[in-house]
Protein backbone atom coordinates (compact mmCIF):
# COMPACT_ATOMS: atom_id res chain seq x y z
CA UNK A 1 6.47 -40.76 -19.98
CA UNK A 2 5.17 -38.49 -17.14
CA UNK A 3 1.78 -38.90 -16.21
CA UNK A 4 -0.13 -36.09 -14.75
CA UNK A 5 -3.39 -36.24 -12.72
CA UNK A 6 -4.91 -34.61 -9.90
CA UNK A 7 -3.67 -37.38 -7.44
CA UNK A 8 -0.08 -37.50 -8.35
CA UNK A 9 2.96 -37.71 -10.51
CA UNK A 10 3.66 -40.88 -11.97
CA UNK A 11 6.67 -41.56 -13.99
CA UNK A 12 6.26 -44.93 -16.00
CA UNK A 13 9.14 -46.27 -17.51
CA UNK A 14 7.43 -46.32 -21.10
CA UNK A 15 8.97 -44.47 -23.59
CA UNK A 16 11.91 -43.85 -20.99
CA UNK A 17 14.42 -46.55 -21.41
CA UNK A 18 16.66 -47.18 -24.51
CA UNK A 19 15.51 -50.37 -26.70
CA UNK A 20 18.73 -52.62 -27.47
CA UNK A 21 18.45 -55.35 -30.48
CA UNK A 22 18.42 -59.28 -29.87
CA UNK A 23 21.23 -61.87 -31.58
CA UNK A 24 19.49 -61.67 -34.64
CA UNK A 25 18.34 -58.13 -34.95
CA UNK A 26 14.76 -58.28 -33.29
CA UNK A 27 14.25 -55.05 -30.85
CA UNK A 28 13.81 -55.59 -27.50
CA UNK A 29 12.13 -53.34 -25.02
CA UNK A 30 13.88 -53.30 -21.81
CA UNK A 31 11.51 -54.39 -18.79
CA UNK A 32 9.78 -51.12 -17.89
CA UNK A 33 11.08 -49.39 -14.60
CA UNK A 34 9.16 -49.26 -11.30
CA UNK A 35 7.00 -46.52 -11.27
CA UNK A 36 7.98 -43.72 -8.84
CA UNK A 37 5.19 -42.51 -6.35
CA UNK A 38 5.44 -38.83 -6.18
CA UNK A 39 1.72 -38.68 -4.60
CA UNK A 40 0.83 -35.18 -2.67
CA UNK A 41 0.29 -35.08 0.87
CA UNK A 42 -3.10 -37.05 1.97
CA UNK A 43 -4.46 -34.23 3.46
CA UNK A 44 -4.35 -31.11 1.10
CA UNK A 45 -3.39 -27.54 3.23
CA UNK A 46 -6.52 -26.27 3.49
CA UNK A 47 -7.84 -29.36 4.72
CA UNK A 48 -4.97 -29.51 7.63
CA UNK A 49 -5.72 -25.53 7.99
CA UNK A 50 -9.61 -26.77 8.90
CA UNK A 51 -8.28 -29.12 11.74
CA UNK A 52 -6.37 -26.85 12.89
CA UNK A 53 -9.34 -23.95 13.70
CA UNK A 54 -11.56 -26.78 14.21
CA UNK A 55 -9.39 -27.87 17.03
CA UNK A 56 -9.73 -24.47 18.61
CA UNK A 57 -13.31 -23.93 18.11
CA UNK A 58 -13.83 -27.32 20.11
CA UNK A 59 -11.23 -26.65 22.39
CA UNK A 60 -12.65 -23.28 23.19
CA UNK A 61 -9.43 -21.28 22.03
CA UNK A 62 -11.74 -19.42 19.42
CA UNK A 63 -15.04 -18.99 22.13
CA UNK A 64 -18.66 -18.22 20.76
CA UNK A 65 -18.61 -14.96 19.26
CA UNK A 66 -14.92 -14.84 18.38
CA UNK A 67 -13.97 -13.25 14.86
CA UNK A 68 -11.92 -14.97 12.54
CA UNK A 69 -10.39 -12.62 10.19
CA UNK A 70 -8.95 -14.11 6.98
CA UNK A 71 -5.47 -12.21 6.79
CA UNK A 72 -4.94 -12.53 10.76
CA UNK A 73 -5.58 -16.34 10.17
CA UNK A 74 -3.27 -17.02 7.12
CA UNK A 75 -0.63 -15.01 8.88
CA UNK A 76 -0.87 -17.07 12.18
CA UNK A 77 -1.21 -20.32 9.72
CA UNK A 78 1.67 -19.15 7.36
CA UNK A 79 -1.10 -20.11 4.52
CA UNK A 80 -2.45 -18.32 1.81
CA UNK A 81 -6.15 -16.11 2.32
CA UNK A 82 -7.43 -18.46 -0.09
CA UNK A 83 -6.42 -21.56 1.81
CA UNK A 84 -8.31 -20.05 5.03
CA UNK A 85 -11.00 -19.32 3.09
CA UNK A 86 -11.36 -22.58 1.94
CA UNK A 87 -10.91 -24.40 5.25
CA UNK A 88 -13.09 -21.54 7.04
CA UNK A 89 -15.92 -22.62 4.14
CA UNK A 90 -15.77 -26.15 5.02
CA UNK A 91 -16.13 -25.44 8.99
CA UNK A 92 -19.12 -23.58 7.85
CA UNK A 93 -20.61 -26.59 5.88
CA UNK A 94 -20.21 -28.09 9.64
CA UNK A 95 -22.40 -25.15 11.00
CA UNK A 96 -19.01 -24.28 13.49
CA UNK A 97 -18.24 -20.89 11.74
CA UNK A 98 -20.64 -18.09 10.02
CA UNK A 99 -19.61 -16.22 7.47
CA UNK A 100 -20.60 -12.49 8.55
CA UNK A 101 -18.83 -10.50 5.47
CA UNK A 102 -16.95 -11.36 2.38
CA UNK A 103 -13.62 -11.94 4.58
CA UNK A 104 -14.77 -11.79 7.91
CA UNK A 105 -16.02 -14.62 9.78
CA UNK A 106 -17.57 -15.67 13.27
CA UNK A 107 -17.76 -18.80 15.68
CA UNK A 108 -21.77 -18.80 16.34
CA UNK A 109 -22.95 -18.13 20.02
CA UNK A 110 -24.42 -20.78 21.72
CA UNK A 111 -28.20 -20.80 21.09
CA UNK A 112 -31.13 -22.43 23.27
CA UNK A 113 -32.73 -22.91 19.83
CA UNK A 114 -30.00 -24.30 18.32
CA UNK A 115 -29.56 -26.66 21.11
CA UNK A 116 -33.23 -27.68 20.91
CA UNK A 117 -33.08 -28.58 17.18
CA UNK A 118 -29.67 -30.13 17.28
CA UNK A 119 -31.01 -32.38 20.10
CA UNK A 120 -34.39 -33.41 18.95
CA UNK A 121 -32.58 -34.09 15.48
CA UNK A 122 -29.87 -36.32 17.58
CA UNK A 123 -32.06 -37.99 19.10
CA UNK A 124 -34.02 -39.35 16.53
CA UNK A 125 -31.29 -40.02 14.71
CA UNK A 126 -28.93 -41.88 17.44
CA UNK A 127 -32.60 -43.54 18.47
CA UNK A 128 -32.67 -45.34 15.55
CA UNK A 129 -28.72 -46.01 15.32
CA UNK A 130 -29.20 -47.54 18.77
CA UNK A 131 -31.89 -49.87 17.85
CA UNK A 132 -30.25 -50.97 14.93
CA UNK A 133 -26.68 -51.42 16.20
CA UNK A 134 -28.40 -53.75 19.06
CA UNK A 135 -30.23 -55.56 16.16
CA UNK A 136 -27.31 -56.40 14.52
CA UNK A 137 -24.97 -57.06 17.48
CA UNK A 138 -21.93 -59.22 16.62
CA UNK A 139 -19.30 -59.82 18.76
CA UNK A 140 -16.34 -58.64 16.78
CA UNK A 141 -18.14 -55.17 16.41
CA UNK A 142 -19.60 -54.91 19.75
CA UNK A 143 -15.74 -54.67 20.75
CA UNK A 144 -15.31 -51.27 19.18
CA UNK A 145 -18.48 -50.04 21.58
CA UNK A 146 -16.80 -51.80 24.59
CA UNK A 147 -13.33 -49.78 23.71
CA UNK A 148 -15.47 -46.19 23.18
CA UNK A 149 -16.81 -46.90 26.56
CA UNK A 150 -13.79 -47.90 28.34
CA UNK A 151 -12.01 -45.02 27.00
CA UNK A 152 -15.02 -42.80 28.46
CA UNK A 153 -14.45 -44.47 31.48
CA UNK A 154 -10.66 -43.62 31.60
CA UNK A 155 -11.30 -39.91 30.93
CA UNK A 156 -13.69 -39.61 33.64
CA UNK A 157 -11.47 -41.28 36.30
CA UNK A 158 -8.36 -39.36 35.22
CA UNK A 159 -10.69 -36.36 36.01
CA UNK A 160 -9.96 -34.79 32.32
CA UNK A 161 -12.96 -33.01 31.16
CA UNK A 162 -11.83 -32.35 27.37
CA UNK A 163 -10.85 -35.45 26.96
CA UNK A 164 -13.98 -36.57 28.92
CA UNK A 165 -15.68 -34.95 26.51
CA UNK A 166 -13.90 -35.63 23.15
CA UNK A 167 -14.49 -39.47 24.42
CA UNK A 168 -18.40 -38.84 24.87
CA UNK A 169 -19.14 -37.90 21.61
CA UNK A 170 -16.62 -40.80 20.10
CA UNK A 171 -19.09 -43.33 22.01
CA UNK A 172 -22.29 -41.85 20.40
CA UNK A 173 -20.58 -41.76 17.23
CA UNK A 174 -19.57 -45.65 17.44
CA UNK A 175 -22.97 -46.41 18.14
CA UNK A 176 -23.99 -44.44 14.70
CA UNK A 177 -21.31 -46.44 12.79
CA UNK A 178 -22.30 -49.82 14.58
CA UNK A 179 -26.27 -49.39 13.21
CA UNK A 180 -24.91 -50.47 9.72
CA UNK A 181 -26.74 -47.74 8.20
CA UNK A 182 -24.92 -45.69 5.27
CA UNK A 183 -27.46 -43.18 4.79
CA UNK A 184 -27.70 -42.41 8.67
CA UNK A 185 -24.26 -42.35 9.15
CA UNK A 186 -24.30 -39.76 6.27
CA UNK A 187 -26.49 -37.52 7.98
CA UNK A 188 -25.05 -37.53 11.40
CA UNK A 189 -21.68 -36.79 9.75
CA UNK A 190 -23.71 -33.36 8.86
CA UNK A 191 -24.09 -32.45 12.23
CA UNK A 192 -21.43 -34.60 14.28
CA UNK A 193 -19.41 -31.44 14.61
CA UNK A 194 -21.66 -29.15 16.06
CA UNK A 195 -23.12 -32.28 18.55
CA UNK A 196 -19.06 -32.30 19.74
CA UNK A 197 -19.30 -28.48 20.52
CA UNK A 198 -22.66 -28.53 22.74
CA UNK A 199 -21.74 -31.94 24.24
CA UNK A 200 -18.36 -29.94 25.66
CA UNK A 201 -20.23 -27.00 26.83
CA UNK A 202 -23.13 -29.29 28.24
CA UNK A 203 -20.84 -31.73 29.86
CA UNK A 204 -19.12 -28.82 31.64
CA UNK A 205 -22.62 -28.33 33.82
CA UNK A 206 -22.24 -31.56 35.52
CA UNK A 207 -21.26 -31.29 39.08
CA UNK A 208 -19.71 -34.95 39.27
CA UNK A 209 -17.87 -35.96 35.60
CA UNK A 210 -18.57 -39.90 36.92
CA UNK A 211 -22.36 -39.26 35.76
CA UNK A 212 -21.01 -39.44 32.54
CA UNK A 213 -20.44 -43.06 32.85
CA UNK A 214 -23.47 -43.47 34.67
CA UNK A 215 -25.61 -41.77 32.01
CA UNK A 216 -24.24 -43.89 28.99
CA UNK A 217 -24.18 -47.24 31.16
CA UNK A 218 -27.70 -48.55 30.49
CA UNK A 219 -27.44 -47.78 26.68
CA UNK A 220 -24.24 -49.26 26.30
CA UNK A 221 -25.47 -52.41 27.85
CA UNK A 222 -28.46 -52.37 25.88
CA UNK A 223 -26.51 -52.40 22.83
CA UNK A 224 -24.52 -55.09 23.75
CA UNK A 225 -27.50 -57.45 25.14
CA UNK A 226 -29.13 -56.88 21.71
CA UNK A 227 -31.99 -55.36 23.20
CA UNK A 228 -33.24 -52.84 20.26
CA UNK A 229 -36.02 -51.17 21.51
CA UNK A 230 -34.33 -50.52 25.07
CA UNK A 231 -31.67 -49.45 23.33
CA UNK A 232 -34.09 -46.77 20.97
CA UNK A 233 -35.78 -45.66 24.13
CA UNK A 234 -32.49 -45.11 26.41
CA UNK A 235 -30.81 -43.13 23.17
CA UNK A 236 -33.93 -41.15 22.45
CA UNK A 237 -34.14 -40.30 26.33
CA UNK A 238 -30.70 -39.39 26.77
CA UNK A 239 -30.53 -36.83 24.11
CA UNK A 240 -33.76 -34.96 25.04
CA UNK A 241 -32.91 -35.19 28.66
CA UNK A 242 -29.54 -33.28 28.21
CA UNK A 243 -30.97 -31.11 25.39
CA UNK A 244 -34.10 -29.86 27.73
CA UNK A 245 -31.13 -29.03 30.32
CA UNK A 246 -28.62 -27.17 28.67
CA UNK A 247 -31.33 -25.20 26.73
CA UNK A 248 -32.68 -23.76 29.83
CA UNK A 249 -29.48 -23.14 30.94
CA UNK A 250 -28.73 -20.98 27.78
CA UNK A 251 -32.42 -19.47 28.04
CA UNK A 252 -31.22 -18.30 31.33
CA UNK A 253 -28.16 -16.84 30.44
CA UNK A 254 -29.52 -14.91 27.25
CA UNK A 255 -33.22 -15.02 27.58
CA UNK A 256 -34.16 -16.92 24.34
CA UNK A 257 -37.41 -18.16 23.71
CA UNK A 258 -37.62 -22.14 22.32
CA UNK A 259 -40.36 -24.66 21.65
CA UNK A 260 -40.58 -26.79 24.47
CA UNK A 261 -38.87 -30.23 24.45
CA UNK A 262 -40.66 -33.54 24.94
CA UNK A 263 -40.50 -34.07 29.42
CA UNK A 264 -37.98 -36.86 30.13
CA UNK A 265 -36.26 -37.95 33.05
CA UNK A 266 -33.45 -34.91 33.70
CA UNK A 267 -29.48 -36.46 34.20
CA UNK A 268 -28.20 -35.14 37.61
CA UNK A 269 -26.80 -31.60 36.82
CA UNK A 270 -25.88 -28.44 38.62
CA UNK A 271 -28.74 -26.27 38.51
CA UNK A 272 -28.01 -23.49 35.79
CA UNK A 273 -27.35 -20.37 37.79
CA UNK A 274 -30.13 -17.51 37.63
CA UNK A 275 -29.24 -14.23 36.61
């Protein structure tokens, strides 16, 4: 018997094996055959296509303003246009692409107003997460935070800006995960990729990549020490400060107008160039 569902094709021995007769004519069924696992690839083709396109966007291969044409992408990825469309739709949900026509898509420009929205929202989510993570601090769980911070230190020491940006994003994501707050994690996941994109661009303004370690060390130490109030305050201040500096930089570049962010001590960054 061939059982078919949306996840796999499974061949069962039921009805497939012939039966034999016992000594007294009793019909005996043979033991069922071992099931054959024909499960399809874990990640569907459109998800894999989305992974490849996401990597290009976050890595700068597709810069802000770059137009993404389904037919061209389908040819480059050797997949159907339907697969590309599904992949782009997933990225649009993440805020990494924008649909400008039925078959045309665009990598959004970096906007000062978007920075303001993301960093104020991120400040609230990560501030709450840091406080909860510190409150629920347990040795076995905190190892994950120490390892995430160590990866950031290693990336900075190796002067790998791209890897450092990814480690920076992963560190914040680890703190959110350690909060133990399922709904908070789900909401953070919605903006996660957008945040990673802005982190990479914001970190490019650092005069010294080593400042990444200096900026994050107090927050990590507060969470590890179980100092919930301090951890929440540091997480909020860090996000507002970074957002303020980066938004000001984009305002100078594009002349955008944005609501003022709350005052906070700025991080050590290069002064945005005046145009």
